[in-house]
PDB file of N, CA and C in Angstrom:
ATOM      1  N   MET A   1      -0.761  -3.284 -13.805  1.00  0.00           N
ATOM      2  CA  MET A   1      -1.960  -3.635 -13.134  1.00  0.00           C
ATOM      3  C   MET A   1      -3.379  -3.347 -13.568  1.00  0.00           C
ATOM      4  N   THR A   2      -4.249  -4.542 -12.514  1.00  0.00           N
ATOM      5  CA  THR A   2      -5.879  -4.373 -12.912  1.00  0.00           C
ATOM      6  C   THR A   2      -6.178  -3.731 -11.908  1.00  0.00           C
ATOM      7  N   GLY A   3      -7.242  -3.225 -11.539  1.00  0.00           N
ATOM      8  CA  GLY A   3      -8.104  -2.654 -10.720  1.00  0.00           C
ATOM      9  C   GLY A   3      -8.275  -3.622  -9.420  1.00  0.00           C
ATOM     10  N   THR A   4      -8.337  -4.797  -9.826  1.00  0.00           N
ATOM     11  CA  THR A   4      -8.608  -5.875  -8.653  1.00  0.00           C
ATOM     12  C   THR A   4      -6.989  -6.074  -8.427  1.00  0.00           C
ATOM     13  N   GLU A   5      -6.241  -6.086  -9.058  1.00  0.00           N
ATOM     14  CA  GLU A   5      -4.741  -6.559  -8.062  1.00  0.00           C
ATOM     15  C   GLU A   5      -4.348  -5.235  -6.726  1.00  0.00           C
ATOM     16  N   ARG A   6      -3.823  -5.883  -6.102  1.00  0.00           N
ATOM     17  CA  ARG A   6      -3.698  -4.873  -5.145  1.00  0.00           C
ATOM     18  C   ARG A   6      -1.634  -4.722  -4.576  1.00  0.00           C
ATOM     19  N   ALA A   7      -1.918  -3.578  -4.272  1.00  0.00           N
ATOM     20  CA  ALA A   7      -0.052  -3.391  -4.246  1.00  0.00           C
ATOM     21  C   ALA A   7       0.099  -3.847  -2.845  1.00  0.00           C
ATOM     22  N   VAL A   8       1.157  -4.525  -2.422  1.00  0.00           N
ATOM     23  CA  VAL A   8       1.575  -5.351  -1.046  1.00  0.00           C
ATOM     24  C   VAL A   8       2.635  -4.641  -0.780  1.00  0.00           C
ATOM     25  N   PRO A   9       2.316  -4.635   0.724  1.00  0.00           N
ATOM     26  CA  PRO A   9       3.317  -3.393   1.261  1.00  0.00           C
ATOM     27  C   PRO A   9       3.928  -4.510   2.169  1.00  0.00           C
ATOM     28  N   PHE A  10       5.041  -4.159   2.401  1.00  0.00           N
ATOM     29  CA  PHE A  10       6.248  -5.420   3.325  1.00  0.00           C
ATOM     30  C   PHE A  10       5.539  -4.746   5.157  1.00  0.00           C
ATOM     31  N   TYR A  11       5.266  -3.728   5.061  1.00  0.00           N
ATOM     32  CA  TYR A  11       5.244  -3.171   6.853  1.00  0.00           C
ATOM     33  C   TYR A  11       4.879  -2.117   6.585  1.00  0.00           C
ATOM     34  N   CYS A  12       4.411  -1.666   8.181  1.00  0.00           N
ATOM     35  CA  CYS A  12       3.054  -0.880   7.999  1.00  0.00           C
ATOM     36  C   CYS A  12       3.604   0.948   8.126  1.00  0.00           C
ATOM     37  N   PRO A  13       3.415   1.782   7.283  1.00  0.00           N
ATOM     38  CA  PRO A  13       3.636   3.011   7.168  1.00  0.00           C
ATOM     39  C   PRO A  13       3.847   3.815   8.254  1.00  0.00           C
ATOM     40  N   TYR A  14       3.008   3.251   9.299  1.00  0.00           N
ATOM     41  CA  TYR A  14       2.916   4.090  10.855  1.00  0.00           C
ATOM     42  C   TYR A  14       3.807   3.656  11.630  1.00  0.00           C
ATOM     43  N   CYS A  15       3.706   2.110  12.245  1.00  0.00           N
ATOM     44  CA  CYS A  15       4.829   1.590  13.331  1.00  0.00           C
ATOM     45  C   CYS A  15       5.381   0.544  12.754  1.00  0.00           C
ATOM     46  N   GLY A  16       5.579   0.610  11.872  1.00  0.00           N
ATOM     47  CA  GLY A  16       6.770  -0.404  10.986  1.00  0.00           C
ATOM     48  C   GLY A  16       6.357  -1.860  11.089  1.00  0.00           C
ATOM     49  N   ASP A  17       5.481  -2.319  11.639  1.00  0.00           N
ATOM     50  CA  ASP A  17       4.700  -3.565  11.857  1.00  0.00           C
ATOM     51  C   ASP A  17       4.338  -4.585  10.665  1.00  0.00           C
ATOM     52  N   GLU A  18       4.600  -5.955  10.498  1.00  0.00           N
ATOM     53  CA  GLU A  18       4.504  -6.745   9.306  1.00  0.00           C
ATOM     54  C   GLU A  18       3.474  -7.377   8.795  1.00  0.00           C
ATOM     55  N   ASP A  19       3.042  -7.357  10.203  1.00  0.00           N
ATOM     56  CA  ASP A  19       1.439  -8.227  10.359  1.00  0.00           C
ATOM     57  C   ASP A  19       0.897  -7.313   9.645  1.00  0.00           C
ATOM     58  N   LEU A  20       0.014  -7.295   8.484  1.00  0.00           N
ATOM     59  CA  LEU A  20      -0.298  -6.774   7.812  1.00  0.00           C
ATOM     60  C   LEU A  20      -1.544  -7.599   6.796  1.00  0.00           C
ATOM     61  N   ARG A  21      -2.989  -7.542   6.994  1.00  0.00           N
ATOM     62  CA  ARG A  21      -3.818  -7.763   6.259  1.00  0.00           C
ATOM     63  C   ARG A  21      -5.038  -7.428   5.257  1.00  0.00           C
ATOM     64  N   PRO A  22      -4.671  -7.983   4.477  1.00  0.00           N
ATOM     65  CA  PRO A  22      -6.453  -7.010   3.664  1.00  0.00           C
ATOM     66  C   PRO A  22      -7.425  -6.513   4.415  1.00  0.00           C
ATOM     67  N   GLU A  23      -7.861  -5.026   3.927  1.00  0.00           N
ATOM     68  CA  GLU A  23      -9.200  -4.938   4.899  1.00  0.00           C
ATOM     69  C   GLU A  23     -10.683  -4.888   3.759  1.00  0.00           C
ATOM     70  N   GLU A  24     -11.396  -5.863   4.070  1.00  0.00           N
ATOM     71  CA  GLU A  24     -12.405  -6.124   3.000  1.00  0.00           C
ATOM     72  C   GLU A  24     -13.590  -4.824   3.168  1.00  0.00           C
ATOM     73  N   GLU A  25     -13.420  -4.333   4.035  1.00  0.00           N
ATOM     74  CA  GLU A  25     -14.601  -2.941   3.836  1.00  0.00           C
ATOM     75  C   GLU A  25     -14.030  -2.255   2.450  1.00  0.00           C
ATOM     76  N   SER A  26     -12.642  -2.118   2.663  1.00  0.00           N
ATOM     77  CA  SER A  26     -12.116  -1.153   1.642  1.00  0.00           C
ATOM     78  C   SER A  26     -11.469  -1.713   0.828  1.00  0.00           C
ATOM     79  N   GLU A  27     -11.929  -0.876  -0.153  1.00  0.00           N
ATOM     80  CA  GLU A  27     -10.875  -1.689  -1.505  1.00  0.00           C
ATOM     81  C   GLU A  27      -9.342  -1.324  -1.348  1.00  0.00           C
ATOM     82  N   GLY A  28      -8.810  -2.174  -2.038  1.00  0.00           N
ATOM     83  CA  GLY A  28      -7.263  -1.589  -1.659  1.00  0.00           C
ATOM     84  C   GLY A  28      -6.361  -1.381  -0.806  1.00  0.00           C
ATOM     85  N   ALA A  29      -7.280  -1.771   1.011  1.00  0.00           N
ATOM     86  CA  ALA A  29      -6.814  -1.140   1.902  1.00  0.00           C
ATOM     87  C   ALA A  29      -6.366  -2.376   2.622  1.00  0.00           C
ATOM     88  N   TRP A  30      -5.169  -1.678   3.416  1.00  0.00           N
ATOM     89  CA  TRP A  30      -4.878  -2.969   4.640  1.00  0.00           C
ATOM     90  C   TRP A  30      -4.919  -2.852   6.048  1.00  0.00           C
ATOM     91  N   LEU A  31      -5.263  -3.393   6.993  1.00  0.00           N
ATOM     92  CA  LEU A  31      -5.434  -3.547   8.264  1.00  0.00           C
ATOM     93  C   LEU A  31      -3.723  -3.930   8.995  1.00  0.00           C
ATOM     94  N   CYS A  32      -2.933  -3.071   9.568  1.00  0.00           N
ATOM     95  CA  CYS A  32      -2.280  -3.411  10.547  1.00  0.00           C
ATOM     96  C   CYS A  32      -2.607  -4.037  11.941  1.00  0.00           C
ATOM     97  N   SER A  33      -2.208  -5.617  11.903  1.00  0.00           N
ATOM     98  CA  SER A  33      -2.772  -5.854  12.960  1.00  0.00           C
ATOM     99  C   SER A  33      -2.230  -5.667  14.689  1.00  0.00           C
ATOM    100  N   ALA A  34      -1.141  -4.629  14.516  1.00  0.00           N
ATOM    101  CA  ALA A  34      -0.600  -4.194  16.005  1.00  0.00           C
ATOM    102  C   ALA A  34      -1.073  -2.933  15.944  1.00  0.00           C
ATOM    103  N   CYS A  35      -1.204  -1.811  14.910  1.00  0.00           N
ATOM    104  CA  CYS A  35      -1.103  -0.375  15.371  1.00  0.00           C
ATOM    105  C   CYS A  35      -2.976  -0.333  15.686  1.00  0.00           C
ATOM    106  N   ARG A  36      -3.297  -1.013  14.317  1.00  0.00           N
ATOM    107  CA  ARG A  36      -5.217  -1.017  14.026  1.00  0.00           C
ATOM    108  C   ARG A  36      -5.010   0.045  12.975  1.00  0.00           C
ATOM    109  N   ARG A  37      -4.323   0.413  12.422  1.00  0.00           N
ATOM    110  CA  ARG A  37      -4.694   1.577  11.247  1.00  0.00           C
ATOM    111  C   ARG A  37      -4.839   0.689  10.009  1.00  0.00           C
ATOM    112  N   VAL A  38      -6.098   1.337   9.364  1.00  0.00           N
ATOM    113  CA  VAL A  38      -5.735   0.504   7.928  1.00  0.00           C
ATOM    114  C   VAL A  38      -5.444   2.168   7.010  1.00  0.00           C
ATOM    115  N   PHE A  39      -4.861   1.288   5.789  1.00  0.00           N
ATOM    116  CA  PHE A  39      -4.193   2.274   4.763  1.00  0.00           C
ATOM    117  C   PHE A  39      -4.144   1.574   3.046  1.00  0.00           C
ATOM    118  N   SER A  40      -3.929   2.184   2.713  1.00  0.00           N
ATOM    119  CA  SER A  40      -4.199   2.172   1.336  1.00  0.00           C
ATOM    120  C   SER A  40      -2.415   2.399   0.592  1.00  0.00           C
ATOM    121  N   VAL A  41      -2.053   2.012  -0.169  1.00  0.00           N
ATOM    122  CA  VAL A  41      -1.100   2.132  -1.232  1.00  0.00           C
ATOM    123  C   VAL A  41      -1.505   2.782  -2.248  1.00  0.00           C
ATOM    124  N   LYS A  42      -0.933   3.590  -2.613  1.00  0.00           N
ATOM    125  CA  LYS A  42      -1.027   4.245  -4.891  1.00  0.00           C
ATOM    126  C   LYS A  42       0.023   3.784  -5.112  1.00  0.00           C
ATOM    127  N   PHE A  43      -0.037   3.177  -6.589  1.00  0.00           N
ATOM    128  CA  PHE A  43       0.915   3.524  -7.214  1.00  0.00           C
ATOM    129  C   PHE A  43       0.858   4.531  -8.257  1.00  0.00           C
ATOM    130  N   ILE A  44       1.549   5.385  -8.167  1.00  0.00           N
ATOM    131  CA  ILE A  44       1.184   6.724  -8.586  1.00  0.00           C
ATOM    132  C   ILE A  44       2.155   6.720 -10.710  1.00  0.00           C
ATOM    133  N   GLY A  45       3.286   6.665 -10.687  1.00  0.00           N
ATOM    134  CA  GLY A  45       3.940   6.225 -11.808  1.00  0.00           C
ATOM    135  C   GLY A  45       5.387   6.389 -11.250  1.00  0.00           C
ATOM    136  N   LEU A  46       6.529   6.131 -12.655  1.00  0.00           N
ATOM    137  CA  LEU A  46       7.627   6.067 -12.650  1.00  0.00           C
ATOM    138  C   LEU A  46       8.195   8.044 -13.175  1.00  0.00           C
ATOM    139  N   ARG A  47       8.810   8.565 -12.472  1.00  0.00           N
ATOM    140  CA  ARG A  47       9.589   9.895 -12.812  1.00  0.00           C
ATOM    141  C   ARG A  47      11.156   9.448 -13.512  1.00  0.00           C
ATOM    142  N   LEU A  48      11.147  10.118 -14.860  1.00  0.00           N
ATOM    143  CA  LEU A  48      12.233  10.171 -15.346  1.00  0.00           C
ATOM    144  C   LEU A  48      13.207  10.724 -14.509  1.00  0.00           C
ATOM    145  N   GLY A  49      14.480  10.501 -14.714  1.00  0.00           N
ATOM    146  CA  GLY A  49      15.685  11.929 -14.330  1.00  0.00           C
ATOM    147  C   GLY A  49      15.678  13.069 -14.879  1.00  0.00           C
ATOM    148  N   GLU A  50      16.790  13.995 -15.034  1.00  0.00           N
ATOM    149  CA  GLU A  50      16.466  15.541 -15.431  1.00  0.00           C
ATOM    150  C   GLU A  50      16.673  15.260 -17.331  1.00  0.00           C
ATOM    151  N   GLY A  51      16.448  15.415 -18.037  1.00  0.00           N
ATOM    152  CA  GLY A  51      16.493  15.404 -19.296  1.00  0.00           C
ATOM    153  C   GLY A  51      16.477  14.176 -19.907  1.00  0.00           C
ATOM    154  N   VAL A  52      15.431  13.276 -19.202  1.00  0.00           N
ATOM    155  CA  VAL A  52      15.481  11.985 -19.907  1.00  0.00           C
ATOM    156  C   VAL A  52      13.973  12.498 -20.612  1.00  0.00           C
ATOM    157  N   ARG A  53      13.995  11.833 -21.994  1.00  0.00           N
ATOM    158  CA  ARG A  53      12.271  11.946 -22.815  1.00  0.00           C
ATOM    159  C   ARG A  53      12.013  11.009 -23.228  1.00  0.00           C
TER     160      ARG A  53
END
């Protein structure tokens, strides 16, 4: 993923609504139309199971 692509959430983590729109004022942020919260999703990485190298 490059810096210009967004991770697309399927629902708001606060109220569960699915009407989300990109928030133009904050890069990578999303606006929930139902609860009006603005949030972002950040991919950290993958965790391998115990003992896997």
